[in-house]
Amino acid sequence: FGHEKGAFTGAIKQKIGKFELAHKGTIFLDEIGSIGLDIQANLLRILQEKEFERVGGHRTLKTDVRIIAATNKNLERAVEEETFRGDLYYRLNVVHIVLPLLRERQEDILLLVDHFINKYGNERKFAVSVTGLDQEVERLFYNYSWPGNVRELENVIERAVALQNGSTIRASDLPDYIQNLFIETYRRPSESIPTLAEQEQNYIQWVLNKCDGNQTQAARIMDI
């Protein structure tokens, strides 16, 4: 919403808010289910009245924006638990798009792999360019549950591109917890395949290790 100069400690000058900047445009609100009830009331006012005030301000400002909101929470349940306003939920829920888990849309995996290979290969301009996945890795990617969804896949590809030894990504380029799954699934067929819960636990531990145990940073990476 922006703020006025002197509205709080450190507010040394006026700041224009996102809704003011987005006038006649579109604003994207990520993790809408995590905002507090007080801010929810302000959002409802914008949706209904198309007006707001900057923090510390007294002048009512008008804004006309299209709002796109995203969340990984069950907002219907949040409404029942009274942690999310029902009137705001029904105002926002005009066109409802559900994005399935990555393991539920396997046809997207290779498309996303190609996208991330191009993204990180072009960014870092390595001498050897990665062109795709080893066939065994491709099979593993189709069978892996991807508890961290697209963000996990992106992290895995970024790591693999950085550690590349050739034109294709191999099992040795993958994080330990996926390499272990590769060995257990394809090199030790007589043994049991890790459960989804075990895969999730391995992924969480790997992210925590990458974040040096910083739980807040790890939660942000995993969207939880």
C-alpha atoms as a PDB file:
ATOM      1  CA  PHE A   1       0.000   0.000   0.000  1.00  0.00           C
ATOM      2  CA  GLY A   2       3.003   2.310   0.260  1.00  0.00           C
ATOM      3  CA  HIS A   3       3.666   4.719   3.116  1.00  0.00           C
ATOM      4  CA  GLU A   4       4.046   8.405   3.883  1.00  0.00           C
ATOM      5  CA  LYS A   5       7.233  10.029   5.083  1.00  0.00           C
ATOM      6  CA  GLY A   6       7.511   9.651   8.849  1.00  0.00           C
ATOM      7  CA  ALA A   7       4.801   6.970   9.055  1.00  0.00           C
ATOM      8  CA  PHE A   8       7.145   4.781  11.120  1.00  0.00           C
ATOM      9  CA  THR A   9      10.776   4.588  12.153  1.00  0.00           C
ATOM     10  CA  GLY A  10      12.929   4.515   9.032  1.00  0.00           C
ATOM     11  CA  ALA A  11      10.273   5.977   6.726  1.00  0.00           C
ATOM     12  CA  ILE A  12      12.499   8.847   5.619  1.00  0.00           C
ATOM     13  CA  LYS A  13      10.526   9.490   2.446  1.00  0.00           C
ATOM     14  CA  GLN A  14       7.238   8.710   0.809  1.00  0.00           C
ATOM     15  CA  LYS A  15       6.996   5.322  -0.919  1.00  0.00           C
ATOM     16  CA  ILE A  16       4.504   4.503  -3.658  1.00  0.00           C
ATOM     17  CA  GLY A  17       2.860   1.108  -3.090  1.00  0.00           C
ATOM     18  CA  LYS A  18       2.342  -1.752  -5.509  1.00  0.00           C
ATOM     19  CA  PHE A  19      -1.386  -1.154  -5.909  1.00  0.00           C
ATOM     20  CA  GLU A  20      -0.734   2.457  -6.832  1.00  0.00           C
ATOM     21  CA  LEU A  21       1.949   1.442  -9.322  1.00  0.00           C
ATOM     22  CA  ALA A  22      -0.284  -1.246 -10.825  1.00  0.00           C
ATOM     23  CA  HIS A  23      -3.166   1.145 -11.577  1.00  0.00           C
ATOM     24  CA  LYS A  24      -4.839   0.075 -14.853  1.00  0.00           C
ATOM     25  CA  GLY A  25      -2.654  -3.038 -14.885  1.00  0.00           C
ATOM     26  CA  THR A  26      -2.245  -6.403 -13.157  1.00  0.00           C
ATOM     27  CA  ILE A  27      -0.832  -7.238  -9.737  1.00  0.00           C
ATOM     28  CA  PHE A  28       0.250 -10.742  -8.707  1.00  0.00           C
ATOM     29  CA  LEU A  29      -0.100 -11.666  -5.034  1.00  0.00           C
ATOM     30  CA  ASP A  30       1.904 -14.777  -4.200  1.00  0.00           C
ATOM     31  CA  GLU A  31       1.104 -16.912  -1.125  1.00  0.00           C
ATOM     32  CA  ILE A  32      -2.168 -15.068  -0.550  1.00  0.00           C
ATOM     33  CA  GLY A  33      -3.106 -17.621   2.107  1.00  0.00           C
ATOM     34  CA  SER A  34      -0.288 -16.453   4.387  1.00  0.00           C
ATOM     35  CA  ILE A  35      -1.369 -12.837   4.878  1.00  0.00           C
ATOM     36  CA  GLY A  36      -2.870 -11.625   8.146  1.00  0.00           C
ATOM     37  CA  LEU A  37      -6.520 -10.813   8.728  1.00  0.00           C
ATOM     38  CA  ASP A  38      -5.809  -7.081   8.968  1.00  0.00           C
ATOM     39  CA  ILE A  39      -4.260  -6.972   5.499  1.00  0.00           C
ATOM     40  CA  GLN A  40      -7.058  -9.199   4.208  1.00  0.00           C
ATOM     41  CA  ALA A  41      -9.514  -6.476   5.224  1.00  0.00           C
ATOM     42  CA  ASN A  42      -7.525  -3.912   3.237  1.00  0.00           C
ATOM     43  CA  LEU A  43      -7.446  -6.187   0.196  1.00  0.00           C
ATOM     44  CA  LEU A  44     -11.195  -6.693   0.422  1.00  0.00           C
ATOM     45  CA  ARG A  45     -11.682  -2.936   0.442  1.00  0.00           C
ATOM     46  CA  ILE A  46      -9.569  -2.606  -2.714  1.00  0.00           C
ATOM     47  CA  LEU A  47     -11.591  -5.320  -4.430  1.00  0.00           C
ATOM     48  CA  GLN A  48     -14.937  -3.825  -3.421  1.00  0.00           C
ATOM     49  CA  GLU A  49     -14.318  -0.084  -3.327  1.00  0.00           C
ATOM     50  CA  LYS A  50     -11.127   0.192  -5.433  1.00  0.00           C
ATOM     51  CA  GLU A  51      -9.587   2.481  -2.825  1.00  0.00           C
ATOM     52  CA  PHE A  52      -6.951   2.475  -0.079  1.00  0.00           C
ATOM     53  CA  GLU A  53      -4.646   4.724   1.952  1.00  0.00           C
ATOM     54  CA  ARG A  54      -0.892   4.634   2.246  1.00  0.00           C
ATOM     55  CA  VAL A  55       0.421   3.653   5.686  1.00  0.00           C
ATOM     56  CA  GLY A  56       0.447   6.809   7.776  1.00  0.00           C
ATOM     57  CA  GLY A  57      -1.624   8.667   5.184  1.00  0.00           C
ATOM     58  CA  HIS A  58      -5.074  10.235   5.340  1.00  0.00           C
ATOM     59  CA  ARG A  59      -5.790  10.744   1.654  1.00  0.00           C
ATOM     60  CA  THR A  60      -7.892   8.048  -0.003  1.00  0.00           C
ATOM     61  CA  LEU A  61      -6.347   6.821  -3.258  1.00  0.00           C
ATOM     62  CA  LYS A  62      -8.142   5.066  -6.099  1.00  0.00           C
ATOM     63  CA  THR A  63      -6.779   2.086  -8.013  1.00  0.00           C
ATOM     64  CA  ASP A  64      -8.163  -0.099 -10.765  1.00  0.00           C
ATOM     65  CA  VAL A  65      -6.208  -3.349 -10.987  1.00  0.00           C
ATOM     66  CA  ARG A  66      -6.686  -6.939 -12.021  1.00  0.00           C
ATOM     67  CA  ILE A  67      -5.580  -9.240  -9.214  1.00  0.00           C
ATOM     68  CA  ILE A  68      -4.011 -12.653  -9.764  1.00  0.00           C
ATOM     69  CA  ALA A  69      -3.428 -14.535  -6.514  1.00  0.00           C
ATOM     70  CA  ALA A  70      -1.654 -17.832  -5.813  1.00  0.00           C
ATOM     71  CA  THR A  71      -1.404 -20.111  -2.812  1.00  0.00           C
ATOM     72  CA  ASN A  72      -0.434 -23.655  -1.898  1.00  0.00           C
ATOM     73  CA  LYS A  73      -2.915 -23.678   0.984  1.00  0.00           C
ATOM     74  CA  ASN A  74      -6.485 -24.956   1.026  1.00  0.00           C
ATOM     75  CA  LEU A  75      -8.322 -21.636   1.327  1.00  0.00           C
ATOM     76  CA  GLU A  76     -11.731 -23.284   1.752  1.00  0.00           C
ATOM     77  CA  ARG A  77     -10.404 -25.015   4.854  1.00  0.00           C
ATOM     78  CA  ALA A  78      -8.778 -21.756   6.003  1.00  0.00           C
ATOM     79  CA  VAL A  79     -12.176 -20.065   5.724  1.00  0.00           C
ATOM     80  CA  GLU A  80     -13.712 -22.798   7.866  1.00  0.00           C
ATOM     81  CA  GLU A  81     -10.919 -22.358  10.418  1.00  0.00           C
ATOM     82  CA  GLU A  82     -11.449 -18.569  10.293  1.00  0.00           C
ATOM     83  CA  THR A  83      -7.838 -17.829   9.355  1.00  0.00           C
ATOM     84  CA  PHE A  84      -8.941 -16.493   5.956  1.00  0.00           C
ATOM     85  CA  ARG A  85     -11.906 -14.207   5.348  1.00  0.00           C
ATOM     86  CA  GLY A  86     -14.740 -15.863   3.471  1.00  0.00           C
ATOM     87  CA  ASP A  87     -15.819 -12.636   1.778  1.00  0.00           C
ATOM     88  CA  LEU A  88     -12.276 -12.079   0.455  1.00  0.00           C
ATOM     89  CA  TYR A  89     -12.010 -15.687  -0.710  1.00  0.00           C
ATOM     90  CA  TYR A  90     -15.206 -15.468  -2.757  1.00  0.00           C
ATOM     91  CA  ARG A  91     -14.159 -12.105  -4.180  1.00  0.00           C
ATOM     92  CA  LEU A  92     -10.839 -13.550  -5.325  1.00  0.00           C
ATOM     93  CA  ASN A  93     -12.151 -16.927  -6.465  1.00  0.00           C
ATOM     94  CA  VAL A  94     -13.673 -15.788  -9.754  1.00  0.00           C
ATOM     95  CA  VAL A  95     -11.545 -17.873 -12.125  1.00  0.00           C
ATOM     96  CA  HIS A  96     -10.073 -20.797 -10.194  1.00  0.00           C
ATOM     97  CA  ILE A  97      -7.065 -22.574 -11.717  1.00  0.00           C
ATOM     98  CA  VAL A  98      -5.660 -25.665  -9.986  1.00  0.00           C
ATOM     99  CA  LEU A  99      -2.066 -26.511 -10.879  1.00  0.00           C
ATOM    100  CA  PRO A 100      -1.506 -30.255 -10.298  1.00  0.00           C
ATOM    101  CA  LEU A 101       1.577 -31.594  -8.541  1.00  0.00           C
ATOM    102  CA  LEU A 102       4.503 -32.254 -10.865  1.00  0.00           C
ATOM    103  CA  ARG A 103       4.201 -36.027 -10.332  1.00  0.00           C
ATOM    104  CA  GLU A 104       0.625 -35.767 -11.631  1.00  0.00           C
ATOM    105  CA  ARG A 105       1.689 -34.180 -14.930  1.00  0.00           C
ATOM    106  CA  GLN A 106       4.683 -36.199 -16.065  1.00  0.00           C
ATOM    107  CA  GLU A 107       4.307 -34.920 -19.610  1.00  0.00           C
ATOM    108  CA  ASP A 108       5.640 -31.555 -18.391  1.00  0.00           C
ATOM    109  CA  ILE A 109       8.849 -32.903 -16.848  1.00  0.00           C
ATOM    110  CA  LEU A 110      11.025 -33.038 -19.983  1.00  0.00           C
ATOM    111  CA  LEU A 111       9.668 -29.704 -21.209  1.00  0.00           C
ATOM    112  CA  LEU A 112      10.687 -28.128 -17.892  1.00  0.00           C
ATOM    113  CA  VAL A 113      14.060 -29.892 -17.978  1.00  0.00           C
ATOM    114  CA  ASP A 114      14.778 -28.386 -21.411  1.00  0.00           C
ATOM    115  CA  HIS A 115      13.712 -24.962 -20.165  1.00  0.00           C
ATOM    116  CA  PHE A 116      15.983 -25.070 -17.117  1.00  0.00           C
ATOM    117  CA  ILE A 117      18.936 -26.489 -19.083  1.00  0.00           C
ATOM    118  CA  ASN A 118      18.657 -23.572 -21.515  1.00  0.00           C
ATOM    119  CA  LYS A 119      18.203 -21.103 -18.663  1.00  0.00           C
ATOM    120  CA  TYR A 120      21.242 -22.106 -16.635  1.00  0.00           C
ATOM    121  CA  GLY A 121      23.383 -23.119 -19.596  1.00  0.00           C
ATOM    122  CA  ASN A 122      22.960 -19.675 -21.173  1.00  0.00           C
ATOM    123  CA  GLU A 123      23.420 -17.874 -17.848  1.00  0.00           C
ATOM    124  CA  ARG A 124      26.716 -19.514 -17.010  1.00  0.00           C
ATOM    125  CA  LYS A 125      28.090 -20.044 -20.520  1.00  0.00           C
ATOM    126  CA  PHE A 126      29.936 -23.261 -19.718  1.00  0.00           C
ATOM    127  CA  ALA A 127      32.445 -24.536 -22.235  1.00  0.00           C
ATOM    128  CA  VAL A 128      30.537 -27.837 -22.555  1.00  0.00           C
ATOM    129  CA  SER A 129      26.836 -27.407 -23.245  1.00  0.00           C
ATOM    130  CA  VAL A 130      24.267 -29.777 -21.755  1.00  0.00           C
ATOM    131  CA  THR A 131      21.714 -30.952 -24.289  1.00  0.00           C
ATOM    132  CA  GLY A 132      19.531 -33.313 -22.282  1.00  0.00           C
ATOM    133  CA  LEU A 133      19.241 -36.266 -19.903  1.00  0.00           C
ATOM    134  CA  ASP A 134      20.839 -39.674 -19.930  1.00  0.00           C
ATOM    135  CA  GLN A 135      18.151 -42.280 -20.719  1.00  0.00           C
ATOM    136  CA  GLU A 136      18.336 -43.825 -17.235  1.00  0.00           C
ATOM    137  CA  VAL A 137      18.012 -40.375 -15.639  1.00  0.00           C
ATOM    138  CA  GLU A 138      15.036 -39.603 -17.872  1.00  0.00           C
ATOM    139  CA  ARG A 139      13.370 -42.809 -16.660  1.00  0.00           C
ATOM    140  CA  LEU A 140      14.219 -41.932 -13.057  1.00  0.00           C
ATOM    141  CA  PHE A 141      12.731 -38.437 -13.437  1.00  0.00           C
ATOM    142  CA  TYR A 142       9.476 -39.964 -14.643  1.00  0.00           C
ATOM    143  CA  ASN A 143       9.307 -42.327 -11.657  1.00  0.00           C
ATOM    144  CA  TYR A 144      10.497 -39.903  -8.975  1.00  0.00           C
ATOM    145  CA  SER A 145       7.702 -38.300  -6.907  1.00  0.00           C
ATOM    146  CA  TRP A 146       9.105 -34.708  -6.916  1.00  0.00           C
ATOM    147  CA  PRO A 147       7.882 -33.708  -3.432  1.00  0.00           C
ATOM    148  CA  GLY A 148       9.334 -30.228  -4.009  1.00  0.00           C
ATOM    149  CA  ASN A 149       7.527 -29.906  -7.356  1.00  0.00           C
ATOM    150  CA  VAL A 150       8.900 -27.580 -10.060  1.00  0.00           C
ATOM    151  CA  ARG A 151      11.208 -25.731  -7.683  1.00  0.00           C
ATOM    152  CA  GLU A 152      12.915 -28.979  -6.735  1.00  0.00           C
ATOM    153  CA  LEU A 153      13.302 -29.921 -10.407  1.00  0.00           C
ATOM    154  CA  GLU A 154      14.841 -26.517 -11.129  1.00  0.00           C
ATOM    155  CA  ASN A 155      17.325 -26.898  -8.253  1.00  0.00           C
ATOM    156  CA  VAL A 156      18.299 -30.358  -9.478  1.00  0.00           C
ATOM    157  CA  ILE A 157      18.889 -29.148 -13.046  1.00  0.00           C
ATOM    158  CA  GLU A 158      20.817 -26.057 -11.918  1.00  0.00           C
ATOM    159  CA  ARG A 159      23.117 -28.280  -9.848  1.00  0.00           C
ATOM    160  CA  ALA A 160      23.546 -30.765 -12.689  1.00  0.00           C
ATOM    161  CA  VAL A 161      24.447 -28.058 -15.211  1.00  0.00           C
ATOM    162  CA  ALA A 162      27.027 -26.661 -12.785  1.00  0.00           C
ATOM    163  CA  LEU A 163      28.595 -30.115 -12.319  1.00  0.00           C
ATOM    164  CA  GLN A 164      28.338 -31.217 -15.922  1.00  0.00           C
ATOM    165  CA  ASN A 165      30.936 -33.647 -17.281  1.00  0.00           C
ATOM    166  CA  GLY A 166      29.496 -34.006 -20.729  1.00  0.00           C
ATOM    167  CA  SER A 167      26.575 -33.224 -22.977  1.00  0.00           C
ATOM    168  CA  THR A 168      24.023 -35.215 -20.981  1.00  0.00           C
ATOM    169  CA  ILE A 169      23.025 -35.144 -17.322  1.00  0.00           C
ATOM    170  CA  ARG A 170      23.861 -38.443 -15.627  1.00  0.00           C
ATOM    171  CA  ALA A 171      22.985 -39.946 -12.257  1.00  0.00           C
ATOM    172  CA  SER A 172      26.355 -38.815 -10.871  1.00  0.00           C
ATOM    173  CA  ASP A 173      25.324 -35.182 -11.521  1.00  0.00           C
ATOM    174  CA  LEU A 174      22.228 -35.481  -9.302  1.00  0.00           C
ATOM    175  CA  PRO A 175      21.889 -34.791  -5.547  1.00  0.00           C
ATOM    176  CA  ASP A 176      22.789 -37.674  -3.241  1.00  0.00           C
ATOM    177  CA  TYR A 177      19.199 -38.423  -2.265  1.00  0.00           C
ATOM    178  CA  ILE A 178      18.216 -38.915  -5.923  1.00  0.00           C
ATOM    179  CA  GLN A 179      21.401 -40.847  -6.694  1.00  0.00           C
ATOM    180  CA  ASN A 180      20.525 -43.194  -3.841  1.00  0.00           C
ATOM    181  CA  LEU A 181      17.040 -43.632  -5.275  1.00  0.00           C
ATOM    182  CA  PHE A 182      18.631 -44.360  -8.661  1.00  0.00           C
ATOM    183  CA  ILE A 183      20.806 -47.091  -7.135  1.00  0.00           C
ATOM    184  CA  GLU A 184      17.961 -48.596  -5.114  1.00  0.00           C
ATOM    185  CA  THR A 185      15.507 -48.529  -8.013  1.00  0.00           C
ATOM    186  CA  TYR A 186      17.655 -49.587 -10.960  1.00  0.00           C
ATOM    187  CA  ARG A 187      20.798 -51.153  -9.543  1.00  0.00           C
ATOM    188  CA  ARG A 188      19.144 -53.108  -6.714  1.00  0.00           C
ATOM    189  CA  PRO A 189      15.787 -54.241  -8.148  1.00  0.00           C
ATOM    190  CA  SER A 190      15.374 -56.905  -5.487  1.00  0.00           C
ATOM    191  CA  GLU A 191      15.235 -54.314  -2.710  1.00  0.00           C
ATOM    192  CA  SER A 192      12.225 -52.170  -1.872  1.00  0.00           C
ATOM    193  CA  ILE A 193      11.835 -48.751  -3.531  1.00  0.00           C
ATOM    194  CA  PRO A 194      11.760 -45.803  -1.072  1.00  0.00           C
ATOM    195  CA  THR A 195       8.295 -44.637  -0.118  1.00  0.00           C
ATOM    196  CA  LEU A 196       6.989 -41.155  -0.911  1.00  0.00           C
ATOM    197  CA  ALA A 197       7.473 -40.204   2.749  1.00  0.00           C
ATOM    198  CA  GLU A 198      11.120 -41.335   2.604  1.00  0.00           C
ATOM    199  CA  GLN A 199      11.684 -39.385  -0.622  1.00  0.00           C
ATOM    200  CA  GLU A 200      10.180 -36.272   0.954  1.00  0.00           C
ATOM    201  CA  GLN A 201      12.357 -36.693   4.050  1.00  0.00           C
ATOM    202  CA  ASN A 202      15.483 -37.064   1.904  1.00  0.00           C
ATOM    203  CA  TYR A 203      14.565 -33.958  -0.080  1.00  0.00           C
ATOM    204  CA  ILE A 204      13.903 -31.881   3.044  1.00  0.00           C
ATOM    205  CA  GLN A 205      17.218 -32.969   4.570  1.00  0.00           C
ATOM    206  CA  TRP A 206      19.087 -32.149   1.351  1.00  0.00           C
ATOM    207  CA  VAL A 207      17.580 -28.649   1.171  1.00  0.00           C
ATOM    208  CA  LEU A 208      18.378 -28.052   4.862  1.00  0.00           C
ATOM    209  CA  ASN A 209      21.972 -29.082   4.231  1.00  0.00           C
ATOM    210  CA  LYS A 210      22.198 -26.679   1.284  1.00  0.00           C
ATOM    211  CA  CYS A 211      20.835 -23.903   3.549  1.00  0.00           C
ATOM    212  CA  ASP A 212      23.284 -24.742   6.366  1.00  0.00           C
ATOM    213  CA  GLY A 213      20.364 -25.677   8.594  1.00  0.00           C
ATOM    214  CA  ASN A 214      18.493 -22.376   8.096  1.00  0.00           C
ATOM    215  CA  GLN A 215      14.888 -23.561   8.398  1.00  0.00           C
ATOM    216  CA  THR A 216      13.343 -20.277   7.242  1.00  0.00           C
ATOM    217  CA  GLN A 217      15.396 -20.264   4.044  1.00  0.00           C
ATOM    218  CA  ALA A 218      14.706 -23.969   3.453  1.00  0.00           C
ATOM    219  CA  ALA A 219      10.958 -23.460   3.953  1.00  0.00           C
ATOM    220  CA  ARG A 220      11.005 -20.612   1.424  1.00  0.00           C
ATOM    221  CA  ILE A 221      12.753 -22.819  -1.158  1.00  0.00           C
ATOM    222  CA  MET A 222      10.257 -25.638  -0.615  1.00  0.00           C
ATOM    223  CA  ASP A 223       7.212 -23.360  -0.494  1.00  0.00           C
ATOM    224  CA  ILE A 224       6.142 -24.707   2.902  1.00  0.00           C
END
